[in-house]
Amino acid sequence: MANEVKDIGIDVKVPDNTCTDKNCPFHGALSVRGQIIEGVVVSTKMNKTAVIERNYLKYQQKFERYEKRTSKYSAHTPSCLEVKPGDHVRIMECRPLSKTVSFVIVEKR
């Protein structure tokens, strides 16, 4: 099954490399569901985990203006996707892999 690539159910570019990671949505047994979030990789210092930052605007009704907000997500990084800080990625929700990791990187843009 090393060369087979699993269909994860969304339209993303399949990685060229293969991996033996059991928590890879393409080559392992991890299923993905729920939210799809786009962001920028801030840090890859953790083992097989990256920190993704997402910027968005929130409307303040009282002042009739938007304010900038930011959120950080910890996401599992499959070894078939070579991700480095500054890359734009798409992450998708999965089952909890650890205390803080409930997302996995599915596409490098």
N, C-alpha and C. Protein backbone atom coordinates (compact mmCIF):
# COMPACT_ATOMS: atom_id res chain seq x y z
N MET A 1 0.82 -1.20 0.00
CA MET A 1 0.00 0.00 0.00
C MET A 1 0.86 1.27 0.00
N ALA A 2 2.17 1.14 -0.09
CA ALA A 2 3.07 2.29 -0.03
C ALA A 2 2.86 3.24 -1.20
N ASN A 3 2.53 2.72 -2.40
CA ASN A 3 2.37 3.57 -3.56
C ASN A 3 0.95 4.05 -3.76
N GLU A 4 -0.02 3.46 -3.09
CA GLU A 4 -1.41 3.86 -3.25
C GLU A 4 -1.69 5.15 -2.49
N VAL A 5 -2.46 6.02 -3.12
CA VAL A 5 -2.85 7.28 -2.49
C VAL A 5 -4.34 7.24 -2.27
N LYS A 6 -4.76 7.48 -1.04
CA LYS A 6 -6.16 7.44 -0.67
C LYS A 6 -6.86 8.74 -1.06
N ASP A 7 -8.11 8.64 -1.49
CA ASP A 7 -8.93 9.82 -1.77
C ASP A 7 -9.50 10.31 -0.45
N ILE A 8 -9.19 11.57 -0.07
CA ILE A 8 -9.64 12.07 1.24
C ILE A 8 -10.99 12.78 1.16
N GLY A 9 -11.56 12.91 -0.04
CA GLY A 9 -12.91 13.44 -0.15
C GLY A 9 -13.02 14.90 -0.51
N ILE A 10 -11.90 15.63 -0.57
CA ILE A 10 -11.94 17.02 -0.99
C ILE A 10 -10.97 17.22 -2.14
N ASP A 11 -11.12 18.32 -2.85
CA ASP A 11 -10.31 18.58 -4.02
C ASP A 11 -9.01 19.28 -3.61
N VAL A 12 -7.97 18.50 -3.34
CA VAL A 12 -6.65 19.02 -3.02
C VAL A 12 -5.61 18.35 -3.90
N LYS A 13 -4.46 19.01 -4.03
CA LYS A 13 -3.37 18.43 -4.81
C LYS A 13 -2.71 17.32 -4.01
N VAL A 14 -2.59 16.14 -4.60
CA VAL A 14 -2.01 14.98 -3.91
C VAL A 14 -0.50 15.15 -3.87
N PRO A 15 0.15 14.87 -2.71
CA PRO A 15 1.61 15.02 -2.63
C PRO A 15 2.34 14.03 -3.55
N ASP A 16 3.47 14.48 -4.09
CA ASP A 16 4.27 13.64 -4.99
C ASP A 16 5.01 12.56 -4.22
N ASN A 17 5.48 12.88 -3.02
CA ASN A 17 6.24 11.93 -2.21
C ASN A 17 5.30 10.94 -1.52
N THR A 18 5.88 9.83 -1.07
CA THR A 18 5.13 8.86 -0.26
C THR A 18 5.71 8.86 1.14
N CYS A 19 4.92 8.38 2.10
CA CYS A 19 5.40 8.31 3.48
C CYS A 19 4.81 7.08 4.16
N THR A 20 5.35 6.77 5.32
CA THR A 20 4.87 5.63 6.11
C THR A 20 4.21 6.10 7.40
N ASP A 21 3.80 7.36 7.42
CA ASP A 21 3.16 7.94 8.60
C ASP A 21 1.74 7.40 8.73
N LYS A 22 1.41 6.80 9.87
CA LYS A 22 0.06 6.26 10.06
C LYS A 22 -0.98 7.36 10.21
N ASN A 23 -0.54 8.59 10.55
CA ASN A 23 -1.46 9.71 10.70
C ASN A 23 -1.46 10.62 9.47
N CYS A 24 -1.10 10.08 8.32
CA CYS A 24 -1.16 10.81 7.06
C CYS A 24 -2.52 10.54 6.42
N PRO A 25 -3.25 11.59 6.01
CA PRO A 25 -4.56 11.32 5.40
C PRO A 25 -4.47 10.66 4.03
N PHE A 26 -3.33 10.78 3.34
CA PHE A 26 -3.17 10.21 2.00
C PHE A 26 -2.61 8.79 2.03
N HIS A 27 -1.65 8.52 2.90
CA HIS A 27 -0.95 7.23 2.91
C HIS A 27 -1.20 6.42 4.18
N GLY A 28 -1.88 6.97 5.16
CA GLY A 28 -2.13 6.29 6.42
C GLY A 28 -3.61 6.02 6.63
N ALA A 29 -3.98 5.90 7.90
CA ALA A 29 -5.34 5.53 8.24
C ALA A 29 -6.14 6.68 8.85
N LEU A 30 -5.62 7.90 8.80
CA LEU A 30 -6.30 9.04 9.42
C LEU A 30 -7.39 9.57 8.50
N SER A 31 -8.61 9.66 9.02
CA SER A 31 -9.71 10.24 8.24
C SER A 31 -9.89 11.70 8.64
N VAL A 32 -10.32 12.51 7.69
CA VAL A 32 -10.51 13.94 7.94
C VAL A 32 -11.99 14.26 7.80
N ARG A 33 -12.42 15.30 8.54
CA ARG A 33 -13.83 15.72 8.52
C ARG A 33 -13.89 17.16 8.99
N GLY A 34 -15.00 17.80 8.85
CA GLY A 34 -15.24 19.10 9.47
C GLY A 34 -14.61 20.27 8.75
N GLN A 35 -14.01 21.17 9.54
CA GLN A 35 -13.53 22.46 9.05
C GLN A 35 -12.34 22.34 8.10
N ILE A 36 -12.28 23.26 7.16
CA ILE A 36 -11.11 23.44 6.30
C ILE A 36 -10.65 24.88 6.50
N ILE A 37 -9.40 25.06 6.91
CA ILE A 37 -8.87 26.38 7.26
C ILE A 37 -7.60 26.63 6.46
N GLU A 38 -7.44 27.86 5.96
CA GLU A 38 -6.22 28.25 5.27
C GLU A 38 -5.43 29.20 6.15
N GLY A 39 -4.11 29.04 6.14
CA GLY A 39 -3.26 29.89 6.94
C GLY A 39 -1.81 29.80 6.53
N VAL A 40 -0.94 30.39 7.35
CA VAL A 40 0.49 30.45 7.08
C VAL A 40 1.22 29.70 8.20
N VAL A 41 2.22 28.91 7.82
CA VAL A 41 3.01 28.18 8.80
C VAL A 41 3.91 29.17 9.52
N VAL A 42 3.84 29.19 10.86
CA VAL A 42 4.65 30.09 11.67
C VAL A 42 5.86 29.36 12.23
N SER A 43 5.67 28.10 12.66
CA SER A 43 6.75 27.36 13.31
C SER A 43 6.62 25.88 12.98
N THR A 44 7.78 25.23 12.83
CA THR A 44 7.82 23.77 12.63
C THR A 44 8.78 23.13 13.62
N LYS A 45 8.95 23.73 14.79
CA LYS A 45 9.94 23.26 15.76
C LYS A 45 9.50 22.01 16.50
N MET A 46 8.19 21.74 16.56
CA MET A 46 7.71 20.54 17.22
C MET A 46 7.90 19.34 16.30
N ASN A 47 7.95 18.16 16.89
CA ASN A 47 8.14 16.92 16.12
C ASN A 47 6.85 16.57 15.39
N LYS A 48 6.88 16.58 14.04
CA LYS A 48 5.75 16.24 13.17
C LYS A 48 4.55 17.17 13.37
N THR A 49 4.77 18.36 13.90
CA THR A 49 3.68 19.29 14.16
C THR A 49 4.10 20.70 13.73
N ALA A 50 3.17 21.44 13.17
CA ALA A 50 3.43 22.82 12.77
C ALA A 50 2.38 23.73 13.40
N VAL A 51 2.76 24.99 13.61
CA VAL A 51 1.83 25.99 14.12
C VAL A 51 1.38 26.83 12.93
N ILE A 52 0.05 26.89 12.72
CA ILE A 52 -0.54 27.60 11.60
C ILE A 52 -1.24 28.84 12.14
N GLU A 53 -1.01 29.99 11.50
CA GLU A 53 -1.65 31.23 11.93
C GLU A 53 -2.65 31.67 10.86
N ARG A 54 -3.85 32.04 11.32
CA ARG A 54 -4.91 32.49 10.43
C ARG A 54 -5.34 33.89 10.83
N ASN A 55 -5.34 34.83 9.89
CA ASN A 55 -5.79 36.20 10.14
C ASN A 55 -7.18 36.38 9.55
N TYR A 56 -8.03 37.08 10.28
CA TYR A 56 -9.39 37.32 9.82
C TYR A 56 -9.91 38.62 10.41
N LEU A 57 -11.04 39.10 9.89
CA LEU A 57 -11.66 40.33 10.36
C LEU A 57 -12.94 40.00 11.11
N LYS A 58 -13.17 40.70 12.24
CA LYS A 58 -14.40 40.52 13.01
C LYS A 58 -15.09 41.87 13.08
N TYR A 59 -16.37 41.87 12.78
CA TYR A 59 -17.15 43.11 12.76
C TYR A 59 -17.54 43.51 14.18
N GLN A 60 -17.29 44.77 14.53
CA GLN A 60 -17.71 45.32 15.82
C GLN A 60 -18.94 46.19 15.59
N GLN A 61 -20.08 45.72 16.06
CA GLN A 61 -21.35 46.39 15.77
C GLN A 61 -21.44 47.77 16.41
N LYS A 62 -20.90 47.90 17.61
CA LYS A 62 -20.99 49.17 18.32
C LYS A 62 -20.27 50.30 17.58
N PHE A 63 -19.10 50.00 17.05
CA PHE A 63 -18.30 51.02 16.38
C PHE A 63 -18.43 50.98 14.86
N GLU A 64 -19.20 50.03 14.33
CA GLU A 64 -19.43 49.87 12.91
C GLU A 64 -18.12 49.78 12.12
N ARG A 65 -17.19 49.00 12.66
CA ARG A 65 -15.89 48.81 12.03
C ARG A 65 -15.47 47.35 12.18
N TYR A 66 -14.44 47.00 11.44
CA TYR A 66 -13.86 45.66 11.55
C TYR A 66 -12.57 45.75 12.34
N GLU A 67 -12.30 44.70 13.11
CA GLU A 67 -11.02 44.61 13.81
C GLU A 67 -10.27 43.38 13.32
N LYS A 68 -8.95 43.48 13.28
CA LYS A 68 -8.13 42.35 12.86
C LYS A 68 -7.98 41.39 14.03
N ARG A 69 -8.12 40.11 13.74
CA ARG A 69 -7.91 39.08 14.74
C ARG A 69 -7.02 38.00 14.16
N THR A 70 -6.41 37.21 15.04
CA THR A 70 -5.55 36.13 14.60
C THR A 70 -5.76 34.92 15.48
N SER A 71 -5.66 33.75 14.88
CA SER A 71 -5.79 32.49 15.62
C SER A 71 -4.62 31.60 15.24
N LYS A 72 -4.17 30.81 16.20
CA LYS A 72 -3.10 29.85 15.94
C LYS A 72 -3.62 28.44 16.17
N TYR A 73 -3.28 27.54 15.26
CA TYR A 73 -3.69 26.15 15.34
C TYR A 73 -2.46 25.27 15.29
N SER A 74 -2.43 24.21 16.09
CA SER A 74 -1.39 23.20 15.98
C SER A 74 -1.92 22.11 15.05
N ALA A 75 -1.12 21.77 14.04
CA ALA A 75 -1.56 20.79 13.05
C ALA A 75 -0.48 19.76 12.81
N HIS A 76 -0.90 18.50 12.64
CA HIS A 76 0.04 17.42 12.33
C HIS A 76 0.58 17.62 10.91
N THR A 77 1.88 17.38 10.74
CA THR A 77 2.52 17.53 9.44
C THR A 77 2.94 16.16 8.93
N PRO A 78 2.28 15.61 7.91
CA PRO A 78 2.73 14.34 7.34
C PRO A 78 4.11 14.52 6.69
N SER A 79 4.92 13.47 6.73
CA SER A 79 6.27 13.60 6.20
C SER A 79 6.31 13.70 4.68
N CYS A 80 5.22 13.36 3.99
CA CYS A 80 5.19 13.49 2.52
C CYS A 80 5.05 14.95 2.08
N LEU A 81 4.59 15.82 2.96
CA LEU A 81 4.50 17.26 2.66
C LEU A 81 5.68 17.95 3.34
N GLU A 82 6.61 18.48 2.55
CA GLU A 82 7.74 19.20 3.14
C GLU A 82 7.32 20.64 3.39
N VAL A 83 6.97 20.93 4.63
CA VAL A 83 6.45 22.24 5.00
C VAL A 83 7.52 22.98 5.78
N LYS A 84 7.68 24.27 5.47
CA LYS A 84 8.62 25.11 6.20
C LYS A 84 7.93 26.42 6.58
N PRO A 85 8.45 27.17 7.54
CA PRO A 85 7.81 28.43 7.94
C PRO A 85 7.66 29.39 6.76
N GLY A 86 6.50 30.03 6.67
CA GLY A 86 6.21 30.94 5.59
C GLY A 86 5.35 30.34 4.50
N ASP A 87 5.17 29.02 4.49
CA ASP A 87 4.35 28.37 3.48
C ASP A 87 2.87 28.61 3.75
N HIS A 88 2.09 28.80 2.69
CA HIS A 88 0.64 28.89 2.80
C HIS A 88 0.10 27.47 2.70
N VAL A 89 -0.69 27.05 3.67
CA VAL A 89 -1.19 25.68 3.71
C VAL A 89 -2.69 25.68 3.95
N ARG A 90 -3.28 24.52 3.72
CA ARG A 90 -4.69 24.27 4.03
C ARG A 90 -4.71 23.14 5.04
N ILE A 91 -5.40 23.34 6.16
CA ILE A 91 -5.51 22.30 7.18
C ILE A 91 -6.96 21.86 7.29
N MET A 92 -7.13 20.63 7.76
CA MET A 92 -8.47 20.08 7.89
C MET A 92 -8.60 19.37 9.23
N GLU A 93 -9.79 19.41 9.77
CA GLU A 93 -10.05 18.83 11.09
C GLU A 93 -9.98 17.31 11.03
N CYS A 94 -9.50 16.72 12.10
CA CYS A 94 -9.45 15.27 12.22
C CYS A 94 -9.71 14.91 13.69
N ARG A 95 -9.60 13.64 14.02
CA ARG A 95 -9.77 13.25 15.42
C ARG A 95 -8.60 13.82 16.23
N PRO A 96 -8.75 13.98 17.55
CA PRO A 96 -7.65 14.51 18.35
C PRO A 96 -6.44 13.57 18.32
N LEU A 97 -5.28 14.11 17.93
CA LEU A 97 -4.05 13.33 17.90
C LEU A 97 -3.23 13.52 19.17
N SER A 98 -3.45 14.65 19.85
CA SER A 98 -2.81 14.91 21.14
C SER A 98 -3.66 15.96 21.86
N LYS A 99 -3.13 16.51 22.92
CA LYS A 99 -3.89 17.49 23.70
C LYS A 99 -4.24 18.72 22.87
N THR A 100 -3.33 19.18 22.04
CA THR A 100 -3.57 20.42 21.28
C THR A 100 -3.75 20.20 19.79
N VAL A 101 -3.48 19.01 19.26
CA VAL A 101 -3.51 18.78 17.81
C VAL A 101 -4.80 18.07 17.42
N SER A 102 -5.67 18.79 16.68
CA SER A 102 -6.90 18.21 16.13
C SER A 102 -7.05 18.54 14.66
N PHE A 103 -5.96 18.98 14.03
CA PHE A 103 -5.95 19.32 12.62
C PHE A 103 -4.77 18.63 11.95
N VAL A 104 -4.86 18.45 10.63
CA VAL A 104 -3.77 17.87 9.85
C VAL A 104 -3.62 18.70 8.59
N ILE A 105 -2.37 18.90 8.14
CA ILE A 105 -2.12 19.64 6.91
C ILE A 105 -2.45 18.75 5.73
N VAL A 106 -3.31 19.23 4.82
CA VAL A 106 -3.71 18.43 3.67
C VAL A 106 -3.19 18.99 2.35
N GLU A 107 -2.76 20.26 2.33
CA GLU A 107 -2.29 20.81 1.07
C GLU A 107 -1.31 21.95 1.33
N LYS A 108 -0.26 21.97 0.54
CA LYS A 108 0.71 23.08 0.55
C LYS A 108 0.45 23.89 -0.69
N ARG A 109 0.18 25.20 -0.54
CA ARG A 109 -0.22 26.03 -1.67
C ARG A 109 0.95 26.77 -2.25
